[in-house]
Amino acid sequence: MYVLLALFLLALATAMHVASFVGARFAVGRAFAEERRRSVSFVAARGVAGVAGWYLAGSLMFAIGLLGRGETVIDEASMRVMVSPAGPAARAGVRDGDRIVSVAGEPVTSWDQLKSLVAKRGDEALSIEINRGNETIVLSATPEGSPPRLRVAPWTEERSVSVGHALAEGLVQPGKVVMATIRSFFDMVFGKQAAEVSGPAGIVRETSSAAKQGFVTGLLLATLITSYMLPLVALGSAIYELFNRRHEIARVARLSDAGR
């Protein structure tokens, strides 16, 4: 069931982007007189309009998703935690919402400090002092894994957003996705990051997992995946406009020669 929903969401997100892409190009075509449609300005305007249409479709869908789902806020300042089920912290008795005060007797004020303390102690049992409401509790947990971890994360919660905030966030989100894509590409080229290609099956699997959390959550992920395609859309549009203009110039030249 969720696989079918994932396919539908991916198809919906793609269709919205393609419709916006084609619509923007068509609008530019209508705005230019026939005799100017072979000019450089027309070619550039149509290419840019298509890419802008793709971008704005993603922005609008992000905004709609934020209005429907709310915004995820990560609290990294208070040291309140979300606990991974069956992890070392959970087995020790740490609960979601607890605030870590100290580890192995050392006060903890940041997540980097927490990671450093846990990694330094390795897989030995650690005393963890936490605040739970008005109560202070000391527990003992043994990190696991490599590097050693307690399996806790910063506290997160969903908050409703205003229309203005949703539109503003939606406007910048596709840009953030594109920049992250470009950085990842260069990191892979220069060996700073291993390539992670999941393929169509992986994309459907991830979207299906998101869809289990709700329709809007699945749609947000589908929009995110579609936004990753923007650099390819921009490149493909530029190549198309270049070759199409050369074809048009050649066609006009042939017609002109035939008319002489």
C-alpha atoms as a PDB file:
ATOM      1  CA  MET A   1       0.000   0.000   0.000  1.00  0.00           C
ATOM      2  CA  TYR A   2       2.711   2.479   1.008  1.00  0.00           C
ATOM      3  CA  VAL A   3       4.762   1.601  -2.061  1.00  0.00           C
ATOM      4  CA  LEU A   4       1.815   2.589  -4.258  1.00  0.00           C
ATOM      5  CA  LEU A   5       1.395   5.792  -2.257  1.00  0.00           C
ATOM      6  CA  ALA A   6       5.114   6.522  -2.663  1.00  0.00           C
ATOM      7  CA  LEU A   7       4.870   6.040  -6.437  1.00  0.00           C
ATOM      8  CA  PHE A   8       1.831   8.327  -6.534  1.00  0.00           C
ATOM      9  CA  LEU A   9       3.601  11.040  -4.505  1.00  0.00           C
ATOM     10  CA  LEU A  10       6.713  10.871  -6.680  1.00  0.00           C
ATOM     11  CA  ALA A  11       4.562  11.036  -9.820  1.00  0.00           C
ATOM     12  CA  LEU A  12       2.560  13.961  -8.374  1.00  0.00           C
ATOM     13  CA  ALA A  13       5.685  15.928  -7.435  1.00  0.00           C
ATOM     14  CA  THR A  14       7.263  15.286 -10.832  1.00  0.00           C
ATOM     15  CA  ALA A  15       4.076  16.202 -12.704  1.00  0.00           C
ATOM     16  CA  MET A  16       3.771  19.480 -10.784  1.00  0.00           C
ATOM     17  CA  HIS A  17       7.372  20.392 -11.581  1.00  0.00           C
ATOM     18  CA  VAL A  18       7.097  19.445 -15.251  1.00  0.00           C
ATOM     19  CA  ALA A  19       3.811  21.351 -15.647  1.00  0.00           C
ATOM     20  CA  SER A  20       5.383  24.462 -14.123  1.00  0.00           C
ATOM     21  CA  PHE A  21       8.485  24.045 -16.310  1.00  0.00           C
ATOM     22  CA  VAL A  22       6.452  23.725 -19.523  1.00  0.00           C
ATOM     23  CA  GLY A  23       3.990  26.439 -18.521  1.00  0.00           C
ATOM     24  CA  ALA A  24       6.726  28.989 -17.850  1.00  0.00           C
ATOM     25  CA  ARG A  25       8.398  28.241 -21.195  1.00  0.00           C
ATOM     26  CA  PHE A  26       5.067  28.513 -22.991  1.00  0.00           C
ATOM     27  CA  ALA A  27       4.326  31.874 -21.328  1.00  0.00           C
ATOM     28  CA  VAL A  28       7.646  33.276 -22.547  1.00  0.00           C
ATOM     29  CA  GLY A  29       6.925  31.982 -26.046  1.00  0.00           C
ATOM     30  CA  ARG A  30       3.608  33.832 -26.065  1.00  0.00           C
ATOM     31  CA  ALA A  31       5.271  37.018 -24.833  1.00  0.00           C
ATOM     32  CA  PHE A  32       7.698  37.228 -27.772  1.00  0.00           C
ATOM     33  CA  ALA A  33       6.639  38.184 -31.286  1.00  0.00           C
ATOM     34  CA  GLU A  34       7.194  35.554 -33.984  1.00  0.00           C
ATOM     35  CA  GLU A  35      10.081  37.414 -35.611  1.00  0.00           C
ATOM     36  CA  ARG A  36      11.976  37.623 -32.317  1.00  0.00           C
ATOM     37  CA  ARG A  37      11.725  33.934 -31.390  1.00  0.00           C
ATOM     38  CA  ARG A  38      15.091  33.139 -32.929  1.00  0.00           C
ATOM     39  CA  SER A  39      16.901  35.872 -30.995  1.00  0.00           C
ATOM     40  CA  VAL A  40      19.397  35.187 -28.224  1.00  0.00           C
ATOM     41  CA  SER A  41      17.203  37.065 -25.737  1.00  0.00           C
ATOM     42  CA  PHE A  42      14.261  34.741 -26.458  1.00  0.00           C
ATOM     43  CA  VAL A  43      16.380  31.603 -26.107  1.00  0.00           C
ATOM     44  CA  ALA A  44      17.842  32.825 -22.816  1.00  0.00           C
ATOM     45  CA  ALA A  45      14.471  33.972 -21.456  1.00  0.00           C
ATOM     46  CA  ARG A  46      12.756  30.690 -22.308  1.00  0.00           C
ATOM     47  CA  GLY A  47      15.556  28.624 -20.780  1.00  0.00           C
ATOM     48  CA  VAL A  48      15.638  30.652 -17.580  1.00  0.00           C
ATOM     49  CA  ALA A  49      11.840  30.658 -17.325  1.00  0.00           C
ATOM     50  CA  GLY A  50      11.679  26.860 -17.481  1.00  0.00           C
ATOM     51  CA  VAL A  51      14.260  26.448 -14.726  1.00  0.00           C
ATOM     52  CA  ALA A  52      12.553  29.146 -12.640  1.00  0.00           C
ATOM     53  CA  GLY A  53       9.223  27.387 -13.102  1.00  0.00           C
ATOM     54  CA  TRP A  54      10.714  24.109 -11.871  1.00  0.00           C
ATOM     55  CA  TYR A  55      12.227  25.900  -8.857  1.00  0.00           C
ATOM     56  CA  LEU A  56       9.006  27.739  -7.955  1.00  0.00           C
ATOM     57  CA  ALA A  57       6.969  24.535  -8.177  1.00  0.00           C
ATOM     58  CA  GLY A  58       9.239  23.031  -5.549  1.00  0.00           C
ATOM     59  CA  SER A  59       8.991  26.180  -3.437  1.00  0.00           C
ATOM     60  CA  LEU A  60       5.200  26.114  -3.495  1.00  0.00           C
ATOM     61  CA  MET A  61       5.045  22.412  -2.634  1.00  0.00           C
ATOM     62  CA  PHE A  62       7.484  22.890   0.232  1.00  0.00           C
ATOM     63  CA  ALA A  63       5.343  25.751   1.552  1.00  0.00           C
ATOM     64  CA  ILE A  64       2.158  23.672   1.326  1.00  0.00           C
ATOM     65  CA  GLY A  65       3.925  20.822   3.094  1.00  0.00           C
ATOM     66  CA  LEU A  66       5.095  23.077   5.916  1.00  0.00           C
ATOM     67  CA  LEU A  67       1.586  24.456   6.390  1.00  0.00           C
ATOM     68  CA  GLY A  68       0.144  20.948   6.522  1.00  0.00           C
ATOM     69  CA  ARG A  69       2.827  19.301   8.637  1.00  0.00           C
ATOM     70  CA  GLY A  70       4.450  22.111  10.577  1.00  0.00           C
ATOM     71  CA  GLU A  71       8.136  22.837  11.015  1.00  0.00           C
ATOM     72  CA  THR A  72      10.598  20.474  12.672  1.00  0.00           C
ATOM     73  CA  VAL A  73      12.524  22.368  15.343  1.00  0.00           C
ATOM     74  CA  ILE A  74      15.740  20.801  16.670  1.00  0.00           C
ATOM     75  CA  ASP A  75      16.771  21.891  20.164  1.00  0.00           C
ATOM     76  CA  GLU A  76      20.542  21.535  20.453  1.00  0.00           C
ATOM     77  CA  ALA A  77      20.939  24.058  23.282  1.00  0.00           C
ATOM     78  CA  SER A  78      19.082  22.563  26.248  1.00  0.00           C
ATOM     79  CA  MET A  79      20.596  19.021  25.986  1.00  0.00           C
ATOM     80  CA  ARG A  80      17.124  17.505  26.087  1.00  0.00           C
ATOM     81  CA  VAL A  81      17.207  14.168  24.301  1.00  0.00           C
ATOM     82  CA  MET A  82      15.285  11.872  22.025  1.00  0.00           C
ATOM     83  CA  VAL A  83      16.213   8.295  22.896  1.00  0.00           C
ATOM     84  CA  SER A  84      16.703   5.508  20.375  1.00  0.00           C
ATOM     85  CA  PRO A  85      14.632   2.462  21.446  1.00  0.00           C
ATOM     86  CA  ALA A  86      16.749  -0.478  22.630  1.00  0.00           C
ATOM     87  CA  GLY A  87      19.906   1.691  22.613  1.00  0.00           C
ATOM     88  CA  PRO A  88      22.300   1.952  25.592  1.00  0.00           C
ATOM     89  CA  ALA A  89      20.646   5.101  26.975  1.00  0.00           C
ATOM     90  CA  ALA A  90      17.152   3.597  26.692  1.00  0.00           C
ATOM     91  CA  ARG A  91      18.283   0.402  28.430  1.00  0.00           C
ATOM     92  CA  ALA A  92      19.767   2.509  31.216  1.00  0.00           C
ATOM     93  CA  GLY A  93      16.431   4.222  31.773  1.00  0.00           C
ATOM     94  CA  VAL A  94      16.879   7.528  29.929  1.00  0.00           C
ATOM     95  CA  ARG A  95      13.572   8.782  28.499  1.00  0.00           C
ATOM     96  CA  ASP A  96      12.571  11.176  25.746  1.00  0.00           C
ATOM     97  CA  GLY A  97      12.633  14.727  27.102  1.00  0.00           C
ATOM     98  CA  ASP A  98      15.257  14.077  29.786  1.00  0.00           C
ATOM     99  CA  ARG A  99      18.043  16.672  29.936  1.00  0.00           C
ATOM    100  CA  ILE A 100      21.621  15.439  30.232  1.00  0.00           C
ATOM    101  CA  VAL A 101      23.515  17.388  32.899  1.00  0.00           C
ATOM    102  CA  SER A 102      26.805  15.481  33.142  1.00  0.00           C
ATOM    103  CA  VAL A 103      28.581  12.346  31.927  1.00  0.00           C
ATOM    104  CA  ALA A 104      31.203  10.553  34.040  1.00  0.00           C
ATOM    105  CA  GLY A 105      31.150  13.491  36.430  1.00  0.00           C
ATOM    106  CA  GLU A 106      31.913  16.092  33.766  1.00  0.00           C
ATOM    107  CA  PRO A 107      29.267  18.782  33.047  1.00  0.00           C
ATOM    108  CA  VAL A 108      27.867  18.594  29.507  1.00  0.00           C
ATOM    109  CA  THR A 109      26.777  21.759  27.721  1.00  0.00           C
ATOM    110  CA  SER A 110      26.967  20.805  24.030  1.00  0.00           C
ATOM    111  CA  TRP A 111      26.479  17.815  21.743  1.00  0.00           C
ATOM    112  CA  ASP A 112      30.054  17.954  20.529  1.00  0.00           C
ATOM    113  CA  GLN A 113      31.211  17.720  24.127  1.00  0.00           C
ATOM    114  CA  LEU A 114      28.887  14.766  24.767  1.00  0.00           C
ATOM    115  CA  LYS A 115      30.211  12.896  21.719  1.00  0.00           C
ATOM    116  CA  SER A 116      33.796  13.595  22.770  1.00  0.00           C
ATOM    117  CA  LEU A 117      33.256  12.351  26.330  1.00  0.00           C
ATOM    118  CA  VAL A 118      31.545   9.161  25.212  1.00  0.00           C
ATOM    119  CA  ALA A 119      34.161   8.436  22.540  1.00  0.00           C
ATOM    120  CA  LYS A 120      37.007   9.052  25.013  1.00  0.00           C
ATOM    121  CA  ARG A 121      35.577   6.576  27.541  1.00  0.00           C
ATOM    122  CA  GLY A 122      35.033   3.884  24.915  1.00  0.00           C
ATOM    123  CA  ASP A 123      32.789   0.983  25.882  1.00  0.00           C
ATOM    124  CA  GLU A 124      33.110   1.370  29.668  1.00  0.00           C
ATOM    125  CA  ALA A 125      30.042   2.055  31.797  1.00  0.00           C
ATOM    126  CA  LEU A 126      29.324   5.767  32.252  1.00  0.00           C
ATOM    127  CA  SER A 127      27.397   7.537  34.988  1.00  0.00           C
ATOM    128  CA  ILE A 128      24.854   9.885  33.408  1.00  0.00           C
ATOM    129  CA  GLU A 129      23.207  12.626  35.444  1.00  0.00           C
ATOM    130  CA  ILE A 130      19.896  13.787  34.011  1.00  0.00           C
ATOM    131  CA  ASN A 131      17.115  16.199  34.903  1.00  0.00           C
ATOM    132  CA  ARG A 132      13.587  14.853  34.559  1.00  0.00           C
ATOM    133  CA  GLY A 133      11.158  17.599  35.468  1.00  0.00           C
ATOM    134  CA  ASN A 134      12.180  18.715  38.965  1.00  0.00           C
ATOM    135  CA  GLU A 135      14.003  15.475  39.672  1.00  0.00           C
ATOM    136  CA  THR A 136      17.732  14.746  39.277  1.00  0.00           C
ATOM    137  CA  ILE A 137      18.589  11.125  38.454  1.00  0.00           C
ATOM    138  CA  VAL A 138      21.921   9.353  38.029  1.00  0.00           C
ATOM    139  CA  LEU A 139      21.957   6.337  35.697  1.00  0.00           C
ATOM    140  CA  SER A 140      24.635   4.056  34.306  1.00  0.00           C
ATOM    141  CA  ALA A 141      24.920   3.292  30.591  1.00  0.00           C
ATOM    142  CA  THR A 142      27.508   1.452  28.503  1.00  0.00           C
ATOM    143  CA  PRO A 143      28.071   2.961  25.025  1.00  0.00           C
ATOM    144  CA  GLU A 144      28.061   0.659  22.013  1.00  0.00           C
ATOM    145  CA  GLY A 145      29.173   0.725  18.394  1.00  0.00           C
ATOM    146  CA  SER A 146      32.140   2.276  16.634  1.00  0.00           C
ATOM    147  CA  PRO A 147      32.538   5.061  17.518  1.00  0.00           C
ATOM    148  CA  PRO A 148      30.902   4.391  20.907  1.00  0.00           C
ATOM    149  CA  ARG A 149      27.480   5.985  21.247  1.00  0.00           C
ATOM    150  CA  LEU A 150      24.675   6.275  23.764  1.00  0.00           C
ATOM    151  CA  ARG A 151      22.091   6.442  20.955  1.00  0.00           C
ATOM    152  CA  VAL A 152      20.522   9.749  21.915  1.00  0.00           C
ATOM    153  CA  ALA A 153      19.755  12.753  19.696  1.00  0.00           C
ATOM    154  CA  PRO A 154      18.706  16.380  20.247  1.00  0.00           C
ATOM    155  CA  TRP A 155      15.073  16.923  21.172  1.00  0.00           C
ATOM    156  CA  THR A 156      12.859  17.686  18.174  1.00  0.00           C
ATOM    157  CA  GLU A 157       9.266  18.837  17.930  1.00  0.00           C
ATOM    158  CA  GLU A 158       6.803  19.937  15.282  1.00  0.00           C
ATOM    159  CA  ARG A 159       5.496  23.509  15.392  1.00  0.00           C
ATOM    160  CA  SER A 160       2.801  25.104  13.267  1.00  0.00           C
ATOM    161  CA  VAL A 161       3.939  27.912  10.978  1.00  0.00           C
ATOM    162  CA  SER A 162       2.312  30.999   9.513  1.00  0.00           C
ATOM    163  CA  VAL A 163       1.575  31.356   5.810  1.00  0.00           C
ATOM    164  CA  GLY A 164       4.278  33.995   5.449  1.00  0.00           C
ATOM    165  CA  HIS A 165       6.890  31.838   7.166  1.00  0.00           C
ATOM    166  CA  ALA A 166       5.925  28.799   5.084  1.00  0.00           C
ATOM    167  CA  LEU A 167       6.242  30.771   1.838  1.00  0.00           C
ATOM    168  CA  ALA A 168       9.595  32.231   2.896  1.00  0.00           C
ATOM    169  CA  GLU A 169      10.986  28.824   3.876  1.00  0.00           C
ATOM    170  CA  GLY A 170       9.592  27.235   0.734  1.00  0.00           C
ATOM    171  CA  LEU A 171      11.316  29.850  -1.393  1.00  0.00           C
ATOM    172  CA  VAL A 172      14.788  28.975  -0.078  1.00  0.00           C
ATOM    173  CA  GLN A 173      14.480  25.204   0.364  1.00  0.00           C
ATOM    174  CA  PRO A 174      15.028  24.158  -3.282  1.00  0.00           C
ATOM    175  CA  GLY A 175      18.102  26.401  -3.345  1.00  0.00           C
ATOM    176  CA  LYS A 176      19.480  24.666  -0.258  1.00  0.00           C
ATOM    177  CA  VAL A 177      18.874  21.295  -1.890  1.00  0.00           C
ATOM    178  CA  VAL A 178      20.701  22.379  -5.050  1.00  0.00           C
ATOM    179  CA  MET A 179      23.677  23.729  -3.105  1.00  0.00           C
ATOM    180  CA  ALA A 180      23.880  20.533  -1.054  1.00  0.00           C
ATOM    181  CA  THR A 181      23.770  18.507  -4.276  1.00  0.00           C
ATOM    182  CA  ILE A 182      26.576  20.529  -5.840  1.00  0.00           C
ATOM    183  CA  ARG A 183      28.731  20.269  -2.702  1.00  0.00           C
ATOM    184  CA  SER A 184      28.184  16.512  -2.539  1.00  0.00           C
ATOM    185  CA  PHE A 185      29.122  16.165  -6.205  1.00  0.00           C
ATOM    186  CA  PHE A 186      32.426  17.995  -5.747  1.00  0.00           C
ATOM    187  CA  ASP A 187      33.144  16.074  -2.539  1.00  0.00           C
ATOM    188  CA  MET A 188      32.707  12.821  -4.454  1.00  0.00           C
ATOM    189  CA  VAL A 189      34.842  14.045  -7.362  1.00  0.00           C
ATOM    190  CA  PHE A 190      37.696  14.992  -5.023  1.00  0.00           C
ATOM    191  CA  GLY A 191      37.339  11.886  -2.870  1.00  0.00           C
ATOM    192  CA  LYS A 192      36.054  13.635   0.248  1.00  0.00           C
ATOM    193  CA  GLN A 193      32.842  11.640   0.265  1.00  0.00           C
ATOM    194  CA  ALA A 194      31.865   8.207  -0.988  1.00  0.00           C
ATOM    195  CA  ALA A 195      29.193   8.033  -3.662  1.00  0.00           C
ATOM    196  CA  GLU A 196      25.759   7.108  -2.316  1.00  0.00           C
ATOM    197  CA  VAL A 197      23.478   6.132  -5.161  1.00  0.00           C
ATOM    198  CA  SER A 198      20.320   4.337  -4.082  1.00  0.00           C
ATOM    199  CA  GLY A 199      18.648   4.123  -7.479  1.00  0.00           C
ATOM    200  CA  PRO A 200      14.898   4.070  -8.222  1.00  0.00           C
ATOM    201  CA  ALA A 201      14.199   1.220  -5.783  1.00  0.00           C
ATOM    202  CA  GLY A 202      15.931   3.098  -2.970  1.00  0.00           C
ATOM    203  CA  ILE A 203      14.035   6.302  -3.768  1.00  0.00           C
ATOM    204  CA  VAL A 204      10.694   4.498  -3.664  1.00  0.00           C
ATOM    205  CA  ARG A 205      11.687   2.750  -0.422  1.00  0.00           C
ATOM    206  CA  GLU A 206      12.616   6.020   1.295  1.00  0.00           C
ATOM    207  CA  THR A 207       9.449   7.758   0.066  1.00  0.00           C
ATOM    208  CA  SER A 208       7.357   4.809   1.212  1.00  0.00           C
ATOM    209  CA  SER A 209       8.932   5.037   4.672  1.00  0.00           C
ATOM    210  CA  ALA A 210       8.128   8.760   4.815  1.00  0.00           C
ATOM    211  CA  ALA A 211       4.569   8.150   3.603  1.00  0.00           C
ATOM    212  CA  LYS A 212       3.980   5.888   6.613  1.00  0.00           C
ATOM    213  CA  GLN A 213       4.348   9.016   8.749  1.00  0.00           C
ATOM    214  CA  GLY A 214       1.621  10.773   6.772  1.00  0.00           C
ATOM    215  CA  PHE A 215       0.670  11.963   3.296  1.00  0.00           C
ATOM    216  CA  VAL A 216       2.232  15.401   3.740  1.00  0.00           C
ATOM    217  CA  THR A 217       5.513  13.983   5.067  1.00  0.00           C
ATOM    218  CA  GLY A 218       5.724  11.700   2.039  1.00  0.00           C
ATOM    219  CA  LEU A 219       4.947  14.606  -0.285  1.00  0.00           C
ATOM    220  CA  LEU A 220       7.703  16.708   1.294  1.00  0.00           C
ATOM    221  CA  LEU A 221      10.249  13.963   0.671  1.00  0.00           C
ATOM    222  CA  ALA A 222       9.014  13.485  -2.900  1.00  0.00           C
ATOM    223  CA  THR A 223       9.401  17.239  -3.446  1.00  0.00           C
ATOM    224  CA  LEU A 224      12.888  17.105  -1.961  1.00  0.00           C
ATOM    225  CA  ILE A 225      13.883  14.294  -4.337  1.00  0.00           C
ATOM    226  CA  THR A 226      12.447  16.166  -7.328  1.00  0.00           C
ATOM    227  CA  SER A 227      14.353  19.306  -6.315  1.00  0.00           C
ATOM    228  CA  TYR A 228      17.602  17.331  -6.554  1.00  0.00           C
ATOM    229  CA  MET A 229      16.942  17.152 -10.296  1.00  0.00           C
ATOM    230  CA  LEU A 230      17.115  20.930 -10.754  1.00  0.00           C
ATOM    231  CA  PRO A 231      20.809  21.032 -11.822  1.00  0.00           C
ATOM    232  CA  LEU A 232      20.096  18.368 -14.449  1.00  0.00           C
ATOM    233  CA  VAL A 233      17.012  20.265 -15.598  1.00  0.00           C
ATOM    234  CA  ALA A 234      19.054  23.471 -15.952  1.00  0.00           C
ATOM    235  CA  LEU A 235      21.802  21.661 -17.893  1.00  0.00           C
ATOM    236  CA  GLY A 236      19.318  19.852 -20.128  1.00  0.00           C
ATOM    237  CA  SER A 237      17.407  23.067 -20.807  1.00  0.00           C
ATOM    238  CA  ALA A 238      20.600  24.909 -21.775  1.00  0.00           C
ATOM    239  CA  ILE A 239      21.681  22.125 -24.143  1.00  0.00           C
ATOM    240  CA  TYR A 240      18.225  21.965 -25.716  1.00  0.00           C
ATOM    241  CA  GLU A 241      18.050  25.731 -26.273  1.00  0.00           C
ATOM    242  CA  LEU A 242      21.559  25.773 -27.778  1.00  0.00           C
ATOM    243  CA  PHE A 243      20.880  23.013 -30.283  1.00  0.00           C
ATOM    244  CA  ASN A 244      17.343  24.211 -31.011  1.00  0.00           C
ATOM    245  CA  ARG A 245      18.593  27.702 -31.850  1.00  0.00           C
ATOM    246  CA  ARG A 246      21.272  26.285 -34.149  1.00  0.00           C
ATOM    247  CA  HIS A 247      18.592  24.196 -35.837  1.00  0.00           C
ATOM    248  CA  GLU A 248      16.324  27.226 -36.270  1.00  0.00           C
ATOM    249  CA  ILE A 249      19.140  29.324 -37.723  1.00  0.00           C
ATOM    250  CA  ALA A 250      20.000  26.528 -40.156  1.00  0.00           C
ATOM    251  CA  ARG A 251      16.337  26.135 -41.149  1.00  0.00           C
ATOM    252  CA  VAL A 252      15.937  29.867 -41.804  1.00  0.00           C
ATOM    253  CA  ALA A 253      19.112  29.843 -43.875  1.00  0.00           C
ATOM    254  CA  ARG A 254      17.812  26.961 -45.988  1.00  0.00           C
ATOM    255  CA  LEU A 255      14.492  28.715 -46.542  1.00  0.00           C
ATOM    256  CA  SER A 256      16.295  31.915 -47.475  1.00  0.00           C
ATOM    257  CA  ASP A 257      18.507  30.078 -49.966  1.00  0.00           C
ATOM    258  CA  ALA A 258      15.498  28.316 -51.458  1.00  0.00           C
ATOM    259  CA  GLY A 259      13.720  31.619 -51.946  1.00  0.00           C
ATOM    260  CA  ARG A 260      16.531  33.179 -53.959  1.00  0.00           C
END
